[in-house]
């Protein structure tokens, strides 16, 4: 009764092809956006905005980019952090060398630069796939970091390779507070997430999924392999590049090449595994899980230390966090390989039958 399509009639093709065809979904998304844009900036403190919500949105966008490539197009990649690095450092250079361009166009151009790099390192996908493709994209991770450290122009000849992001100013409005940076990040992520949601419903998205399910059959029915795979790498890298630019400008403020190591690529990969491969919602659920888990474990261990009177060393806590984190990833792979998004889908299916037994 709470979540059912019965009685919701569509009289036009436009109504039938809405991004959210069920009224309850549209209302839920509208309420969620209203809370995110209005209530959160009013009531959230600086710690929540700067240390939790902004990185959550940025990592969600990066995970969404990887999910387009891996979850929808079926192409494995371990170079997500490298594409983020390209976006961060190229956005810095566009703002530095062409200040008249503006921040948002600089972010877009930085994303396009990352897309170009993604196309170059996506060329091996035309011949290899699976584990071997993951190794090929791993080369992108090492090459990009090497190029940033060796080519002084990228870091404006900084001896340490560290860059300080310029102030974010759009139409004379300076985004210099946590609330303003959060709203800018949220706006960009919301727009790109809706575009990704619509993309997966289009002919291009269906071609991605056909290649993922069986590339030989997709080629037989006329889907161009070269165009489809390289387009998947380009779109995925664009999303990761924009996420890297936001990572530099709205989260860290100062960026160095070591911020985009292989560990970051694996973290983003774990986000889509836990959240759900091939799911827009799963990218956000996985990012939320990865961001909030260390905070929850720190609070839990702090409470245990207070209750037992034993002071647990920070080294032990950090190692326990890694053990629990790894165990949960194995648990999800075994018990629910489709991630948290599948659990949400099951909950909606049960709501359709409520209050009747399943």
Protein backbone atom coordinates (compact mmCIF):
# COMPACT_ATOMS: atom_id res chain seq x y z
CA UNK A 1 0.00 0.00 0.00
CA UNK A 2 2.86 2.40 0.74
CA UNK A 3 4.85 1.71 -2.42
CA UNK A 4 2.72 0.55 -5.32
CA UNK A 5 2.20 1.62 -8.91
CA UNK A 6 -1.48 0.66 -8.93
CA UNK A 7 -3.61 3.60 -10.03
CA UNK A 8 -0.71 5.58 -11.51
CA UNK A 9 -1.69 5.80 -15.17
CA UNK A 10 0.49 7.21 -17.94
CA UNK A 11 -1.29 9.02 -20.77
CA UNK A 12 1.75 10.18 -22.78
CA UNK A 13 5.11 8.70 -23.81
CA UNK A 14 6.90 11.48 -21.91
CA UNK A 15 5.21 10.42 -18.66
CA UNK A 16 6.05 6.79 -19.30
CA UNK A 17 9.73 7.62 -19.94
CA UNK A 18 10.37 9.69 -16.81
CA UNK A 19 13.60 9.08 -14.92
CA UNK A 20 11.49 8.17 -11.87
CA UNK A 21 8.21 6.75 -13.26
CA UNK A 22 6.72 5.90 -9.83
CA UNK A 23 5.24 8.84 -7.90
CA UNK A 24 6.66 7.69 -4.57
CA UNK A 25 10.17 7.71 -6.03
CA UNK A 26 9.74 11.25 -7.33
CA UNK A 27 8.45 12.46 -3.97
CA UNK A 28 11.27 10.69 -2.10
CA UNK A 29 13.96 12.18 -4.36
CA UNK A 30 12.42 15.66 -4.08
CA UNK A 31 12.32 15.41 -0.28
CA UNK A 32 15.89 14.11 -0.16
CA UNK A 33 17.16 16.98 -2.31
CA UNK A 34 15.20 19.50 -0.23
CA UNK A 35 16.75 18.18 2.97
CA UNK A 36 20.23 18.10 1.40
CA UNK A 37 20.03 21.64 -0.02
CA UNK A 38 18.10 23.38 2.76
CA UNK A 39 18.18 21.53 6.09
CA UNK A 40 21.75 20.21 6.05
CA UNK A 41 23.50 23.59 5.53
CA UNK A 42 21.34 25.12 8.27
CA UNK A 43 21.84 22.48 10.96
CA UNK A 44 25.07 20.60 10.17
CA UNK A 45 28.21 21.84 11.90
CA UNK A 46 31.59 22.47 10.30
CA UNK A 47 32.93 19.00 11.14
CA UNK A 48 30.05 17.19 9.49
CA UNK A 49 30.22 19.36 6.38
CA UNK A 50 33.99 19.40 5.89
CA UNK A 51 35.00 15.95 7.16
CA UNK A 52 32.02 13.77 6.28
CA UNK A 53 29.47 15.16 3.83
CA UNK A 54 31.80 16.81 1.29
CA UNK A 55 34.14 13.77 0.98
CA UNK A 56 31.06 11.52 0.88
CA UNK A 57 29.72 13.42 -2.15
CA UNK A 58 33.12 13.51 -3.89
CA UNK A 59 33.77 9.80 -3.41
CA UNK A 60 30.20 9.05 -4.50
CA UNK A 61 30.89 10.86 -7.77
CA UNK A 62 34.18 8.98 -8.27
CA UNK A 63 32.45 5.66 -7.46
CA UNK A 64 29.69 6.58 -9.91
CA UNK A 65 32.30 7.12 -12.61
CA UNK A 66 33.88 3.73 -11.91
CA UNK A 67 30.45 2.10 -11.78
CA UNK A 68 29.66 3.37 -15.28
CA UNK A 69 32.81 1.68 -16.56
CA UNK A 70 32.89 -1.48 -14.45
CA UNK A 71 29.29 -1.99 -13.38
CA UNK A 72 27.50 -1.02 -16.59
CA UNK A 73 30.11 -1.52 -19.34
CA UNK A 74 31.90 -4.46 -17.71
CA UNK A 75 35.44 -3.05 -18.11
CA UNK A 76 37.68 -3.48 -15.07
CA UNK A 77 39.82 -0.52 -14.03
CA UNK A 78 42.32 0.19 -11.27
CA UNK A 79 43.21 3.69 -12.46
CA UNK A 80 40.41 5.69 -10.85
CA UNK A 81 42.77 7.67 -8.60
CA UNK A 82 44.92 8.55 -11.63
CA UNK A 83 41.92 10.04 -13.45
CA UNK A 84 41.07 12.00 -10.30
CA UNK A 85 44.66 13.29 -10.21
CA UNK A 86 44.41 14.45 -13.82
CA UNK A 87 41.19 16.31 -12.99
CA UNK A 88 42.65 17.94 -9.87
CA UNK A 89 45.92 19.14 -11.42
CA UNK A 90 44.41 20.20 -14.75
CA UNK A 91 41.69 22.20 -12.99
CA UNK A 92 44.48 23.93 -11.05
CA UNK A 93 46.28 24.76 -14.30
CA UNK A 94 43.19 26.01 -16.10
CA UNK A 95 42.30 28.33 -13.19
CA UNK A 96 45.94 29.44 -12.89
CA UNK A 97 46.71 30.08 -16.56
CA UNK A 98 43.26 31.10 -17.79
CA UNK A 99 41.61 32.88 -14.84
CA UNK A 100 39.07 34.51 -17.16
CA UNK A 101 37.66 31.05 -17.90
CA UNK A 102 35.89 30.56 -14.58
CA UNK A 103 35.87 27.67 -12.12
CA UNK A 104 33.00 25.58 -13.53
CA UNK A 105 34.34 25.64 -17.13
CA UNK A 106 37.76 24.77 -15.69
CA UNK A 107 36.24 21.77 -13.93
CA UNK A 108 34.57 20.69 -17.17
CA UNK A 109 37.79 21.04 -19.17
CA UNK A 110 39.68 19.15 -16.45
CA UNK A 111 37.12 16.37 -16.75
CA UNK A 112 37.60 16.34 -20.52
CA UNK A 113 41.37 16.05 -20.03
CA UNK A 114 40.78 13.07 -17.76
CA UNK A 115 38.45 11.64 -20.43
CA UNK A 116 41.24 11.96 -22.99
CA UNK A 117 43.64 10.09 -20.72
CA UNK A 118 40.95 7.48 -20.12
CA UNK A 119 40.50 6.93 -23.86
CA UNK A 120 44.26 6.43 -24.33
CA UNK A 121 44.49 3.87 -21.53
CA UNK A 122 41.18 2.32 -22.60
CA UNK A 123 42.60 1.26 -25.96
CA UNK A 124 43.84 -2.09 -24.54
CA UNK A 125 40.19 -2.94 -23.78
CA UNK A 126 39.73 -3.52 -27.52
CA UNK A 127 42.00 -6.56 -27.31
CA UNK A 128 42.05 -7.71 -23.68
CA UNK A 129 39.53 -7.91 -20.86
CA UNK A 130 39.09 -9.04 -17.29
CA UNK A 131 42.13 -9.30 -15.06
CA UNK A 132 44.53 -8.37 -17.87
CA UNK A 133 42.62 -5.14 -18.54
CA UNK A 134 42.83 -4.29 -14.84
CA UNK A 135 46.61 -4.68 -15.04
CA UNK A 136 46.71 -2.46 -18.13
CA UNK A 137 44.77 0.30 -16.35
CA UNK A 138 47.11 -0.11 -13.41
CA UNK A 139 49.83 1.23 -15.71
CA UNK A 140 47.81 4.45 -15.98
CA UNK A 141 47.98 4.81 -12.19
CA UNK A 142 51.77 4.71 -12.13
CA UNK A 143 52.31 6.69 -15.34
CA UNK A 144 50.10 9.63 -14.34
CA UNK A 145 51.72 10.00 -10.92
CA UNK A 146 55.17 9.75 -12.54
CA UNK A 147 54.27 12.43 -15.10
CA UNK A 148 52.94 14.79 -12.42
CA UNK A 149 56.12 14.45 -10.37
CA UNK A 150 58.47 14.79 -13.36
CA UNK A 151 56.75 17.45 -15.46
CA UNK A 152 57.13 20.73 -13.59
CA UNK A 153 54.53 22.56 -15.70
CA UNK A 154 51.72 20.50 -14.14
CA UNK A 155 52.58 21.58 -10.59
CA UNK A 156 53.71 25.09 -11.63
CA UNK A 157 57.31 24.05 -10.85
CA UNK A 158 56.53 23.34 -7.20
CA UNK A 159 59.62 21.60 -5.68
CA UNK A 160 57.50 19.35 -3.49
CA UNK A 161 54.76 18.75 -6.07
CA UNK A 162 52.16 20.23 -3.70
CA UNK A 163 49.65 22.69 -5.15
CA UNK A 164 47.34 25.05 -3.29
CA UNK A 165 43.91 25.27 -4.88
CA UNK A 166 42.79 28.78 -5.72
CA UNK A 167 39.65 30.26 -4.20
CA UNK A 168 36.41 29.15 -5.78
CA UNK A 169 34.56 32.16 -7.18
CA UNK A 170 31.53 31.92 -9.47
CA UNK A 171 29.88 35.08 -10.83
CA UNK A 172 31.47 37.13 -8.05
CA UNK A 173 30.24 34.75 -5.34
CA UNK A 174 33.09 33.25 -3.30
CA UNK A 175 32.67 29.71 -1.95
CA UNK A 176 34.89 30.05 1.10
CA UNK A 177 32.85 28.49 3.92
CA UNK A 178 32.02 24.82 4.55
CA UNK A 179 28.33 25.48 3.84
CA UNK A 180 29.06 27.10 0.47
CA UNK A 181 31.57 24.45 -0.56
CA UNK A 182 29.08 21.76 0.42
CA UNK A 183 26.31 23.34 -1.68
CA UNK A 184 28.63 23.66 -4.69
CA UNK A 185 29.72 20.04 -4.39
CA UNK A 186 26.15 18.84 -3.87
CA UNK A 187 24.90 20.76 -6.91
CA UNK A 188 27.56 19.31 -9.22
CA UNK A 189 27.13 15.76 -7.90
CA UNK A 190 23.31 15.92 -8.13
CA UNK A 191 23.40 17.12 -11.74
CA UNK A 192 25.95 14.50 -12.82
CA UNK A 193 24.09 11.72 -10.98
CA UNK A 194 20.83 12.58 -12.75
CA UNK A 195 22.68 12.68 -16.08
CA UNK A 196 24.17 9.25 -15.36
CA UNK A 197 20.75 7.90 -14.40
CA UNK A 198 19.33 9.16 -17.69
CA UNK A 199 22.35 7.91 -19.65
CA UNK A 200 21.81 4.35 -18.49
CA UNK A 201 18.26 4.46 -19.87
CA UNK A 202 19.44 5.64 -23.29
CA UNK A 203 20.72 3.73 -26.31
CA UNK A 204 24.29 4.29 -25.10
CA UNK A 205 23.55 2.82 -21.67
CA UNK A 206 21.88 -0.23 -23.20
CA UNK A 207 24.93 -0.70 -25.44
CA UNK A 208 27.16 -0.58 -22.35
CA UNK A 209 25.12 -3.29 -20.65
CA UNK A 210 25.04 -5.44 -23.79
CA UNK A 211 28.84 -5.32 -23.98
CA UNK A 212 29.04 -6.17 -20.28
CA UNK A 213 26.71 -9.18 -20.54
CA UNK A 214 28.22 -10.70 -23.70
CA UNK A 215 30.49 -8.67 -25.93
CA UNK A 216 30.51 -11.24 -28.76
CA UNK A 217 26.70 -11.22 -29.01
CA UNK A 218 26.70 -7.41 -28.78
CA UNK A 219 29.12 -7.25 -31.70
CA UNK A 220 27.00 -9.66 -33.73
CA UNK A 221 23.86 -7.51 -33.36
CA UNK A 222 25.74 -4.45 -34.59
CA UNK A 223 27.01 -2.64 -31.49
CA UNK A 224 30.42 -1.09 -32.35
CA UNK A 225 32.91 -2.45 -29.83
CA UNK A 226 35.55 0.25 -30.27
CA UNK A 227 33.16 3.17 -29.95
CA UNK A 228 31.22 1.70 -27.02
CA UNK A 229 34.22 0.69 -24.91
CA UNK A 230 36.16 3.90 -25.48
CA UNK A 231 33.03 5.97 -24.78
CA UNK A 232 32.62 4.11 -21.49
CA UNK A 233 36.21 4.91 -20.55
CA UNK A 234 35.73 8.56 -21.57
CA UNK A 235 32.52 9.10 -19.58
CA UNK A 236 33.89 7.25 -16.54
CA UNK A 237 37.14 9.23 -16.61
CA UNK A 238 35.22 12.50 -17.01
CA UNK A 239 33.25 11.80 -13.84
CA UNK A 240 36.42 10.83 -11.97
CA UNK A 241 38.19 13.95 -13.27
CA UNK A 242 35.44 16.23 -11.99
CA UNK A 243 35.53 14.36 -8.68
CA UNK A 244 39.29 15.00 -8.53
CA UNK A 245 38.78 18.71 -9.16
CA UNK A 246 36.23 18.87 -6.34
CA UNK A 247 38.60 16.83 -4.16
CA UNK A 248 41.20 19.57 -4.59
CA UNK A 249 39.00 22.66 -4.41
CA UNK A 250 36.19 21.91 -1.98
CA UNK A 251 37.74 19.26 0.28
CA UNK A 252 41.53 19.31 0.68
CA UNK A 253 42.51 22.77 -0.53
CA UNK A 254 46.09 21.61 -1.07
CA UNK A 255 46.87 18.57 -3.17
CA UNK A 256 49.96 16.47 -3.76
CA UNK A 257 50.48 13.48 -6.09
CA UNK A 258 50.68 11.12 -3.11
CA UNK A 259 47.01 11.88 -2.38
CA UNK A 260 46.06 9.82 -5.46
CA UNK A 261 47.81 6.53 -4.78
CA UNK A 262 46.69 3.03 -5.68
CA UNK A 263 45.10 2.74 -2.23
CA UNK A 264 42.53 5.37 -3.26
CA UNK A 265 41.69 3.38 -6.42
CA UNK A 266 41.06 0.29 -4.32
CA UNK A 267 38.90 2.24 -1.86
CA UNK A 268 36.67 3.44 -4.69
CA UNK A 269 36.53 -0.09 -6.10
CA UNK A 270 35.43 -1.36 -2.68
CA UNK A 271 32.72 1.31 -2.65
CA UNK A 272 31.01 -0.10 -5.73
CA UNK A 273 31.48 -3.69 -4.53
CA UNK A 274 29.77 -2.94 -1.21
CA UNK A 275 27.22 -0.50 -2.62
CA UNK A 276 26.30 -2.52 -5.69
CA UNK A 277 27.96 -3.00 -9.06
CA UNK A 278 25.83 -1.61 -11.88
CA UNK A 279 23.74 0.69 -9.68
CA UNK A 280 23.64 4.49 -9.44
CA UNK A 281 22.27 4.29 -5.90
CA UNK A 282 24.90 1.71 -5.00
CA UNK A 283 27.67 4.24 -5.64
CA UNK A 284 26.24 6.52 -2.95
CA UNK A 285 25.50 3.69 -0.51
CA UNK A 286 29.01 2.28 -0.87
CA UNK A 287 30.64 5.68 -0.41
CA UNK A 288 28.54 6.32 2.68
CA UNK A 289 29.50 2.93 4.10
CA UNK A 290 33.24 3.47 3.53
CA UNK A 291 33.16 7.03 4.92
CA UNK A 292 31.04 6.28 8.00
CA UNK A 293 32.51 2.89 8.97
CA UNK A 294 35.81 4.25 10.43
CA UNK A 295 33.87 6.90 12.37
CA UNK A 296 31.47 4.29 13.75
CA UNK A 297 34.33 1.99 14.73
CA UNK A 298 36.19 4.85 16.45
CA UNK A 299 33.07 5.70 18.46
CA UNK A 300 32.53 2.01 19.28
CA UNK A 301 36.10 1.45 20.47
CA UNK A 302 35.98 4.70 22.44
CA UNK A 303 32.82 3.54 24.19
CA UNK A 304 34.39 0.14 24.92
CA UNK A 305 37.49 1.81 26.36
CA UNK A 306 35.33 4.01 28.57
CA UNK A 307 33.14 1.09 29.72
CA UNK A 308 35.99 -1.30 30.49
CA UNK A 309 38.45 1.29 31.73
CA UNK A 310 41.12 -0.07 29.39
CA UNK A 311 42.90 2.30 27.06
CA UNK A 312 43.14 0.70 23.61
CA UNK A 313 46.20 1.94 21.67
CA UNK A 314 45.47 3.81 18.42
CA UNK A 315 47.66 1.38 16.47
CA UNK A 316 45.49 -1.51 17.62
CA UNK A 317 42.32 0.39 16.72
CA UNK A 318 43.60 1.20 13.21
CA UNK A 319 44.58 -2.44 12.61
CA UNK A 320 41.23 -3.67 13.90
CA UNK A 321 39.48 -1.24 11.55
CA UNK A 322 41.37 -2.70 8.59
CA UNK A 323 40.57 -6.27 9.69
CA UNK A 324 36.85 -5.50 10.13
CA UNK A 325 36.80 -3.59 6.85
CA UNK A 326 38.35 -6.51 4.95
CA UNK A 327 36.04 -8.99 6.63
CA UNK A 328 32.97 -6.99 5.67
CA UNK A 329 34.09 -6.87 2.03
CA UNK A 330 34.45 -10.67 2.00
CA UNK A 331 31.06 -10.94 3.72
CA UNK A 332 29.38 -8.83 1.04
CA UNK A 333 31.04 -10.76 -1.77
CA UNK A 334 29.75 -14.06 -0.35
CA UNK A 335 26.36 -13.16 1.11
CA UNK A 336 25.18 -10.30 -1.12
CA UNK A 337 27.36 -9.89 -4.23
CA UNK A 338 24.96 -7.27 -5.57
CA UNK A 339 25.64 -5.00 -2.59
CA UNK A 340 23.52 -2.69 -0.50
CA UNK A 341 21.55 -1.52 -3.54
CA UNK A 342 20.09 -5.02 -3.87
CA UNK A 343 18.93 -4.91 -0.25
CA UNK A 344 17.18 -1.62 -0.95
CA UNK A 345 15.54 -3.17 -4.03
CA UNK A 346 14.33 -6.13 -1.96
CA UNK A 347 12.89 -3.73 0.64
CA UNK A 348 10.94 -1.89 -2.08
CA UNK A 349 9.60 -5.17 -3.46
CA UNK A 350 8.35 -6.12 0.02
CA UNK A 351 6.72 -2.72 0.40
CA UNK A 352 4.73 -3.42 -2.76
CA UNK A 353 3.21 -6.50 -1.08
CA UNK A 354 2.81 -5.03 2.41
CA UNK A 355 0.76 -5.83 4.55
CA UNK A 356 0.30 -9.18 2.77
CA UNK A 357 2.83 -11.99 3.34
CA UNK A 358 5.63 -12.42 0.84
